Amino acid sequence: MIKRLTTISIATLVAIALTACSTEKKEAETKTYKMSAEEVYKASCTKCHGAHGEGKTEKKTPRFDDKTAAELEYALFDIKKGGITFTTGTDHEIMEHNMQKLIDQGYDYDIKSMAQYIHSTFKK
């Protein structure tokens, strides 16, 4: 009897945990953004990274035209999530600081979409 109650309890906890994980994933998948990756880039990124992803040495901003889509996605993830990892060796402190301000102004974006936009638009 105790073994059966233990099994039922464990099964219930696993089901609850899986439901919570499933709900979080669905919320992330259904998030919509006010602007496309292209619109966000043109409105908020060109000032520092250039209209063609060339970067600006006077602002010490990296160029994008020499990065793979995976490198861009990883760097954007690092910046958007507040610098939780080390990426390509560049300093992201300024972008990490400004990211929340950009999001508050409506310049939020899907990381994968932005990486794909930058790569497909600016890759040499």
Foldseek 3Di string as FASTA:
>chain_A
DVVVVVVVVVVVVVVVVVVVVVVVVVVVVPDDAPDALVVLCVVPPCVACNPQQCGDVVSPGHRLQADDLVLQLVVLVCLLVQNPDDGDPDDNVVSNVCVVVCVVVRSDYDSSRNSVCNHVRRHD
